């Protein structure tokens, strides 16, 4: 699970219940599974509960999921504590997940993390006193070509460095998150140093050239036939 440095007791809400809108989504998820296999919906239901609760899973929410699916509470807890996408403690409005796996580390994720800690005055696993930011370290986010990556809630901000990280944090604090994707001007996942191959239109392959020439050859053959 996402374990934070703060090990103080968590103020747990006494009650949790899916909203009518989310209850419709619950029914839709459950209906995707065959009869007798409805408990397989535990992952999407926990994700839905976490979003409704503001980014974390209170005990009441996990128990409610168990009641909806007819699962023993301990089985729900086992799922929630196994997957790192579930948070068992409250997180900030902006949940910063810094990838520090090898590709991101080679591209400067250490400087990105240090910029977060310096700018926010917290360490990895901590949250700012105003409840705006929580910073955690995660494993590979699967976007290595645009490393280093800082995931903010559900969104990827790519090609980060210390300066860009500070600019992003300022924008988030002001409530104006920038467009997601590369932050250094790179287009999608194109080479960061520009094109290294196929910088000009390639020569057509021989078969394509032959096909192009065929109409002219046929016309020439027809003229000779007419002349004969």
C-alpha atoms as a PDB file:
ATOM      1  CA  UNK A   1       0.000   0.000   0.000  1.00  0.00           C
ATOM      2  CA  UNK A   2       1.034   3.644  -0.183  1.00  0.00           C
ATOM      3  CA  UNK A   3       2.642   4.070   3.231  1.00  0.00           C
ATOM      4  CA  UNK A   4       3.366   7.610   4.365  1.00  0.00           C
ATOM      5  CA  UNK A   5       5.926   8.748   6.887  1.00  0.00           C
ATOM      6  CA  UNK A   6       3.162  10.029   9.148  1.00  0.00           C
ATOM      7  CA  UNK A   7       2.073   7.089  11.313  1.00  0.00           C
ATOM      8  CA  UNK A   8      -0.307   9.045  13.539  1.00  0.00           C
ATOM      9  CA  UNK A   9      -3.868   7.715  13.910  1.00  0.00           C
ATOM     10  CA  UNK A  10      -6.217   8.566  11.063  1.00  0.00           C
ATOM     11  CA  UNK A  11      -9.527  10.240  11.788  1.00  0.00           C
ATOM     12  CA  UNK A  12     -11.891   7.658  10.316  1.00  0.00           C
ATOM     13  CA  UNK A  13     -15.406   8.654   9.208  1.00  0.00           C
ATOM     14  CA  UNK A  14     -18.117   6.629  10.900  1.00  0.00           C
ATOM     15  CA  UNK A  15     -20.143   6.051   7.738  1.00  0.00           C
ATOM     16  CA  UNK A  16     -19.682   5.646   4.000  1.00  0.00           C
ATOM     17  CA  UNK A  17     -22.180   4.880   1.289  1.00  0.00           C
ATOM     18  CA  UNK A  18     -21.978   5.233  -2.472  1.00  0.00           C
ATOM     19  CA  UNK A  19     -23.831   8.217  -3.883  1.00  0.00           C
ATOM     20  CA  UNK A  20     -26.818   7.451  -6.161  1.00  0.00           C
ATOM     21  CA  UNK A  21     -24.688   8.345  -9.185  1.00  0.00           C
ATOM     22  CA  UNK A  22     -21.847   6.073  -8.099  1.00  0.00           C
ATOM     23  CA  UNK A  23     -24.316   3.342  -7.196  1.00  0.00           C
ATOM     24  CA  UNK A  24     -25.296   3.216 -10.867  1.00  0.00           C
ATOM     25  CA  UNK A  25     -21.631   2.760 -11.728  1.00  0.00           C
ATOM     26  CA  UNK A  26     -21.370   0.033  -9.089  1.00  0.00           C
ATOM     27  CA  UNK A  27     -24.219  -1.869 -10.708  1.00  0.00           C
ATOM     28  CA  UNK A  28     -22.587  -1.455 -14.118  1.00  0.00           C
ATOM     29  CA  UNK A  29     -19.261  -2.851 -12.861  1.00  0.00           C
ATOM     30  CA  UNK A  30     -20.883  -5.797 -11.119  1.00  0.00           C
ATOM     31  CA  UNK A  31     -22.934  -6.652 -14.215  1.00  0.00           C
ATOM     32  CA  UNK A  32     -19.724  -7.177 -16.176  1.00  0.00           C
ATOM     33  CA  UNK A  33     -18.991 -10.384 -14.263  1.00  0.00           C
ATOM     34  CA  UNK A  34     -20.835 -13.716 -14.557  1.00  0.00           C
ATOM     35  CA  UNK A  35     -23.152 -15.001 -11.866  1.00  0.00           C
ATOM     36  CA  UNK A  36     -21.184 -16.111  -8.830  1.00  0.00           C
ATOM     37  CA  UNK A  37     -18.158 -14.013  -9.783  1.00  0.00           C
ATOM     38  CA  UNK A  38     -19.443 -10.591  -8.755  1.00  0.00           C
ATOM     39  CA  UNK A  39     -16.718 -10.241  -6.115  1.00  0.00           C
ATOM     40  CA  UNK A  40     -14.276  -9.796  -8.994  1.00  0.00           C
ATOM     41  CA  UNK A  41     -15.579  -6.210  -9.117  1.00  0.00           C
ATOM     42  CA  UNK A  42     -13.752  -5.405  -5.870  1.00  0.00           C
ATOM     43  CA  UNK A  43     -10.963  -3.469  -7.638  1.00  0.00           C
ATOM     44  CA  UNK A  44     -13.141  -1.026  -9.589  1.00  0.00           C
ATOM     45  CA  UNK A  45     -15.445  -0.589  -6.592  1.00  0.00           C
ATOM     46  CA  UNK A  46     -12.535   0.250  -4.309  1.00  0.00           C
ATOM     47  CA  UNK A  47     -11.264   2.737  -6.885  1.00  0.00           C
ATOM     48  CA  UNK A  48     -14.717   4.300  -7.094  1.00  0.00           C
ATOM     49  CA  UNK A  49     -14.941   4.485  -3.298  1.00  0.00           C
ATOM     50  CA  UNK A  50     -11.502   6.100  -3.073  1.00  0.00           C
ATOM     51  CA  UNK A  51     -12.462   8.784  -5.575  1.00  0.00           C
ATOM     52  CA  UNK A  52     -15.704   9.514  -3.739  1.00  0.00           C
ATOM     53  CA  UNK A  53     -13.844   9.760  -0.416  1.00  0.00           C
ATOM     54  CA  UNK A  54     -11.393  12.318  -1.757  1.00  0.00           C
ATOM     55  CA  UNK A  55      -8.436  10.188  -2.764  1.00  0.00           C
ATOM     56  CA  UNK A  56      -8.185   7.672   0.065  1.00  0.00           C
ATOM     57  CA  UNK A  57      -9.995   4.600   1.439  1.00  0.00           C
ATOM     58  CA  UNK A  58     -11.497   4.931   4.913  1.00  0.00           C
ATOM     59  CA  UNK A  59     -12.317   1.733   6.776  1.00  0.00           C
ATOM     60  CA  UNK A  60     -16.013   2.506   6.383  1.00  0.00           C
ATOM     61  CA  UNK A  61     -15.603   2.635   2.613  1.00  0.00           C
ATOM     62  CA  UNK A  62     -13.837  -0.721   2.482  1.00  0.00           C
ATOM     63  CA  UNK A  63     -16.514  -2.280   4.669  1.00  0.00           C
ATOM     64  CA  UNK A  64     -19.248  -0.825   2.477  1.00  0.00           C
ATOM     65  CA  UNK A  65     -17.610  -2.388  -0.588  1.00  0.00           C
ATOM     66  CA  UNK A  66     -17.534  -5.680   1.305  1.00  0.00           C
ATOM     67  CA  UNK A  67     -21.240  -5.388   2.117  1.00  0.00           C
ATOM     68  CA  UNK A  68     -22.136  -4.576  -1.493  1.00  0.00           C
ATOM     69  CA  UNK A  69     -20.203  -7.572  -2.830  1.00  0.00           C
ATOM     70  CA  UNK A  70     -20.947  -9.962   0.004  1.00  0.00           C
ATOM     71  CA  UNK A  71     -17.242 -10.266   0.803  1.00  0.00           C
ATOM     72  CA  UNK A  72     -15.595 -10.771   4.164  1.00  0.00           C
ATOM     73  CA  UNK A  73     -14.042  -7.494   5.269  1.00  0.00           C
ATOM     74  CA  UNK A  74     -10.604  -9.086   5.605  1.00  0.00           C
ATOM     75  CA  UNK A  75     -10.653 -10.045   1.923  1.00  0.00           C
ATOM     76  CA  UNK A  76     -11.405  -6.446   0.964  1.00  0.00           C
ATOM     77  CA  UNK A  77      -8.576  -5.258   3.244  1.00  0.00           C
ATOM     78  CA  UNK A  78      -6.204  -7.739   1.587  1.00  0.00           C
ATOM     79  CA  UNK A  79      -6.904  -6.213  -1.820  1.00  0.00           C
ATOM     80  CA  UNK A  80      -6.713  -2.618  -0.596  1.00  0.00           C
ATOM     81  CA  UNK A  81      -3.376  -3.152   1.165  1.00  0.00           C
ATOM     82  CA  UNK A  82      -1.801  -5.058  -1.735  1.00  0.00           C
ATOM     83  CA  UNK A  83      -2.231  -2.543  -4.557  1.00  0.00           C
ATOM     84  CA  UNK A  84      -0.271   0.689  -4.331  1.00  0.00           C
ATOM     85  CA  UNK A  85      -2.987   2.617  -6.145  1.00  0.00           C
ATOM     86  CA  UNK A  86      -5.063   2.551  -2.960  1.00  0.00           C
ATOM     87  CA  UNK A  87      -4.304   4.995  -0.157  1.00  0.00           C
ATOM     88  CA  UNK A  88      -5.187   4.122   3.412  1.00  0.00           C
ATOM     89  CA  UNK A  89      -4.400   7.608   4.664  1.00  0.00           C
ATOM     90  CA  UNK A  90      -5.767  10.961   3.474  1.00  0.00           C
ATOM     91  CA  UNK A  91      -3.825  12.570   0.622  1.00  0.00           C
ATOM     92  CA  UNK A  92      -3.592  16.128  -0.608  1.00  0.00           C
ATOM     93  CA  UNK A  93      -5.676  17.792  -3.279  1.00  0.00           C
ATOM     94  CA  UNK A  94      -2.718  17.259  -5.598  1.00  0.00           C
ATOM     95  CA  UNK A  95      -1.341  13.742  -5.163  1.00  0.00           C
ATOM     96  CA  UNK A  96       2.228  13.771  -6.504  1.00  0.00           C
ATOM     97  CA  UNK A  97       3.621  10.392  -7.505  1.00  0.00           C
ATOM     98  CA  UNK A  98       7.278  10.649  -8.470  1.00  0.00           C
ATOM     99  CA  UNK A  99       8.718   7.793 -10.495  1.00  0.00           C
ATOM    100  CA  UNK A 100      12.298   7.013  -9.447  1.00  0.00           C
ATOM    101  CA  UNK A 101      12.799   3.727 -11.282  1.00  0.00           C
ATOM    102  CA  UNK A 102      15.984   3.383 -13.360  1.00  0.00           C
ATOM    103  CA  UNK A 103      14.906   5.119 -16.625  1.00  0.00           C
ATOM    104  CA  UNK A 104      13.506   8.122 -14.738  1.00  0.00           C
ATOM    105  CA  UNK A 105      16.491   8.185 -12.374  1.00  0.00           C
ATOM    106  CA  UNK A 106      18.898   8.249 -15.332  1.00  0.00           C
ATOM    107  CA  UNK A 107      16.984  11.218 -16.726  1.00  0.00           C
ATOM    108  CA  UNK A 108      17.011  13.249 -13.516  1.00  0.00           C
ATOM    109  CA  UNK A 109      14.135  12.127 -11.297  1.00  0.00           C
ATOM    110  CA  UNK A 110      16.308  12.714  -8.226  1.00  0.00           C
ATOM    111  CA  UNK A 111      16.428  16.443  -9.012  1.00  0.00           C
ATOM    112  CA  UNK A 112      12.669  16.409  -9.620  1.00  0.00           C
ATOM    113  CA  UNK A 113      12.028  14.874  -6.197  1.00  0.00           C
ATOM    114  CA  UNK A 114      14.429  17.285  -4.468  1.00  0.00           C
ATOM    115  CA  UNK A 115      12.633  20.204  -6.126  1.00  0.00           C
ATOM    116  CA  UNK A 116       9.308  18.934  -4.771  1.00  0.00           C
ATOM    117  CA  UNK A 117      10.708  18.539  -1.261  1.00  0.00           C
ATOM    118  CA  UNK A 118      12.353  21.958  -1.289  1.00  0.00           C
ATOM    119  CA  UNK A 119       9.383  23.788  -2.795  1.00  0.00           C
ATOM    120  CA  UNK A 120       6.780  22.146  -0.567  1.00  0.00           C
ATOM    121  CA  UNK A 121       8.839  21.802   2.619  1.00  0.00           C
ATOM    122  CA  UNK A 122       8.064  18.085   2.957  1.00  0.00           C
ATOM    123  CA  UNK A 123       9.792  14.779   2.343  1.00  0.00           C
ATOM    124  CA  UNK A 124       8.669  11.769   0.322  1.00  0.00           C
ATOM    125  CA  UNK A 125       5.664  10.298   2.103  1.00  0.00           C
ATOM    126  CA  UNK A 126       4.615  13.618   3.598  1.00  0.00           C
ATOM    127  CA  UNK A 127       1.794  16.094   3.042  1.00  0.00           C
ATOM    128  CA  UNK A 128       1.780  19.865   3.267  1.00  0.00           C
ATOM    129  CA  UNK A 129      -0.006  21.363   6.314  1.00  0.00           C
ATOM    130  CA  UNK A 130      -2.582  23.050   4.073  1.00  0.00           C
ATOM    131  CA  UNK A 131      -3.634  19.684   2.652  1.00  0.00           C
ATOM    132  CA  UNK A 132      -2.866  20.688  -0.922  1.00  0.00           C
ATOM    133  CA  UNK A 133       0.015  18.328  -1.695  1.00  0.00           C
ATOM    134  CA  UNK A 134       1.110  14.792  -0.863  1.00  0.00           C
ATOM    135  CA  UNK A 135       4.381  13.448  -2.268  1.00  0.00           C
ATOM    136  CA  UNK A 136       5.094   9.734  -2.676  1.00  0.00           C
ATOM    137  CA  UNK A 137       7.643   7.667  -4.553  1.00  0.00           C
ATOM    138  CA  UNK A 138       6.351   5.060  -7.019  1.00  0.00           C
ATOM    139  CA  UNK A 139       7.710   2.371  -9.289  1.00  0.00           C
ATOM    140  CA  UNK A 140       7.698   2.506 -13.090  1.00  0.00           C
ATOM    141  CA  UNK A 141       4.760   4.455 -14.521  1.00  0.00           C
ATOM    142  CA  UNK A 142       5.283   2.970 -17.989  1.00  0.00           C
ATOM    143  CA  UNK A 143       6.190   6.189 -19.805  1.00  0.00           C
ATOM    144  CA  UNK A 144       9.966   5.768 -19.844  1.00  0.00           C
ATOM    145  CA  UNK A 145      10.463   7.454 -23.221  1.00  0.00           C
ATOM    146  CA  UNK A 146       9.365  10.745 -21.631  1.00  0.00           C
ATOM    147  CA  UNK A 147      11.247  10.295 -18.354  1.00  0.00           C
ATOM    148  CA  UNK A 148      11.303  11.625 -15.731  1.00  0.00           C
ATOM    149  CA  UNK A 149       7.597  11.464 -14.933  1.00  0.00           C
ATOM    150  CA  UNK A 150       5.624  13.156 -12.175  1.00  0.00           C
ATOM    151  CA  UNK A 151       2.079  11.826 -11.966  1.00  0.00           C
ATOM    152  CA  UNK A 152      -0.402  14.294 -10.499  1.00  0.00           C
ATOM    153  CA  UNK A 153      -3.634  12.551  -9.527  1.00  0.00           C
ATOM    154  CA  UNK A 154      -4.482  10.694 -12.769  1.00  0.00           C
ATOM    155  CA  UNK A 155      -2.340  12.805 -15.102  1.00  0.00           C
ATOM    156  CA  UNK A 156       1.243  12.483 -16.360  1.00  0.00           C
ATOM    157  CA  UNK A 157       3.617  15.429 -16.520  1.00  0.00           C
ATOM    158  CA  UNK A 158       6.652  14.365 -18.516  1.00  0.00           C
ATOM    159  CA  UNK A 159      10.226  15.408 -19.318  1.00  0.00           C
ATOM    160  CA  UNK A 160      10.522  17.103 -15.943  1.00  0.00           C
ATOM    161  CA  UNK A 161      13.522  18.860 -14.408  1.00  0.00           C
ATOM    162  CA  UNK A 162      13.929  20.908 -11.232  1.00  0.00           C
ATOM    163  CA  UNK A 163      12.839  24.214 -12.784  1.00  0.00           C
ATOM    164  CA  UNK A 164       9.835  22.739 -14.573  1.00  0.00           C
ATOM    165  CA  UNK A 165       8.829  20.942 -11.376  1.00  0.00           C
ATOM    166  CA  UNK A 166       8.761  24.187  -9.403  1.00  0.00           C
ATOM    167  CA  UNK A 167       6.748  25.880 -12.159  1.00  0.00           C
ATOM    168  CA  UNK A 168       4.260  23.002 -12.156  1.00  0.00           C
ATOM    169  CA  UNK A 169       3.849  23.162  -8.379  1.00  0.00           C
ATOM    170  CA  UNK A 170       3.214  26.914  -8.543  1.00  0.00           C
ATOM    171  CA  UNK A 171       0.535  26.374 -11.183  1.00  0.00           C
ATOM    172  CA  UNK A 172      -1.116  23.625  -9.155  1.00  0.00           C
ATOM    173  CA  UNK A 173      -1.119  25.754  -6.024  1.00  0.00           C
ATOM    174  CA  UNK A 174      -2.872  28.493  -7.987  1.00  0.00           C
ATOM    175  CA  UNK A 175      -5.466  26.000  -9.179  1.00  0.00           C
ATOM    176  CA  UNK A 176      -4.486  26.238 -12.835  1.00  0.00           C
ATOM    177  CA  UNK A 177      -2.889  22.925 -13.830  1.00  0.00           C
ATOM    178  CA  UNK A 178      -1.103  23.159 -17.194  1.00  0.00           C
ATOM    179  CA  UNK A 179      -1.859  20.820 -20.101  1.00  0.00           C
ATOM    180  CA  UNK A 180      -0.639  17.299 -19.434  1.00  0.00           C
ATOM    181  CA  UNK A 181       2.215  15.668 -21.336  1.00  0.00           C
ATOM    182  CA  UNK A 182       5.801  16.819 -22.022  1.00  0.00           C
ATOM    183  CA  UNK A 183       6.704  19.979 -20.123  1.00  0.00           C
ATOM    184  CA  UNK A 184       9.793  20.879 -22.160  1.00  0.00           C
ATOM    185  CA  UNK A 185       8.119  21.502 -25.495  1.00  0.00           C
ATOM    186  CA  UNK A 186       8.693  18.037 -26.874  1.00  0.00           C
ATOM    187  CA  UNK A 187       5.934  16.788 -29.162  1.00  0.00           C
ATOM    188  CA  UNK A 188       4.459  13.613 -27.721  1.00  0.00           C
ATOM    189  CA  UNK A 189       7.231  10.983 -27.630  1.00  0.00           C
ATOM    190  CA  UNK A 190       9.353  12.284 -30.492  1.00  0.00           C
ATOM    191  CA  UNK A 191      13.159  12.197 -30.013  1.00  0.00           C
ATOM    192  CA  UNK A 192      14.169  14.772 -27.407  1.00  0.00           C
ATOM    193  CA  UNK A 193      17.123  15.879 -29.578  1.00  0.00           C
ATOM    194  CA  UNK A 194      15.068  16.148 -32.743  1.00  0.00           C
ATOM    195  CA  UNK A 195      14.833  13.783 -35.671  1.00  0.00           C
ATOM    196  CA  UNK A 196      17.748  11.392 -36.009  1.00  0.00           C
ATOM    197  CA  UNK A 197      16.493   9.421 -39.010  1.00  0.00           C
ATOM    198  CA  UNK A 198      14.196   9.969 -41.974  1.00  0.00           C
ATOM    199  CA  UNK A 199      14.841  13.699 -41.835  1.00  0.00           C
ATOM    200  CA  UNK A 200      13.976  13.889 -45.550  1.00  0.00           C
ATOM    201  CA  UNK A 201      11.413  12.003 -47.629  1.00  0.00           C
ATOM    202  CA  UNK A 202      12.935   8.579 -48.365  1.00  0.00           C
ATOM    203  CA  UNK A 203      13.510   7.221 -51.848  1.00  0.00           C
ATOM    204  CA  UNK A 204      10.617   4.988 -52.891  1.00  0.00           C
ATOM    205  CA  UNK A 205      11.388   1.272 -52.975  1.00  0.00           C
ATOM    206  CA  UNK A 206      12.029  -0.239 -56.430  1.00  0.00           C
ATOM    207  CA  UNK A 207       8.649  -1.935 -56.644  1.00  0.00           C
ATOM    208  CA  UNK A 208       6.887   1.364 -55.970  1.00  0.00           C
ATOM    209  CA  UNK A 209       8.950   3.116 -58.640  1.00  0.00           C
ATOM    210  CA  UNK A 210       8.077   0.353 -61.103  1.00  0.00           C
ATOM    211  CA  UNK A 211       4.384   0.745 -60.407  1.00  0.00           C
ATOM    212  CA  UNK A 212       4.671   4.484 -60.917  1.00  0.00           C
ATOM    213  CA  UNK A 213       6.381   4.028 -64.267  1.00  0.00           C
ATOM    214  CA  UNK A 214       3.912   1.419 -65.527  1.00  0.00           C
ATOM    215  CA  UNK A 215       1.251   3.867 -66.874  1.00  0.00           C
ATOM    216  CA  UNK A 216       3.894   5.718 -68.925  1.00  0.00           C
ATOM    217  CA  UNK A 217       5.288   2.476 -70.269  1.00  0.00           C
ATOM    218  CA  UNK A 218       1.803   1.309 -71.239  1.00  0.00           C
ATOM    219  CA  UNK A 219       1.093   4.609 -73.020  1.00  0.00           C
ATOM    220  CA  UNK A 220       4.355   4.378 -74.946  1.00  0.00           C
ATOM    221  CA  UNK A 221       3.572   0.793 -75.959  1.00  0.00           C
ATOM    222  CA  UNK A 222       0.142   1.887 -77.155  1.00  0.00           C
ATOM    223  CA  UNK A 223       1.589   4.628 -79.360  1.00  0.00           C
ATOM    224  CA  UNK A 224       3.943   2.143 -81.009  1.00  0.00           C
ATOM    225  CA  UNK A 225       1.028  -0.216 -81.607  1.00  0.00           C
ATOM    226  CA  UNK A 226      -1.001   2.534 -83.259  1.00  0.00           C
ATOM    227  CA  UNK A 227       1.933   3.518 -85.454  1.00  0.00           C
ATOM    228  CA  UNK A 228       2.322  -0.098 -86.628  1.00  0.00           C
END
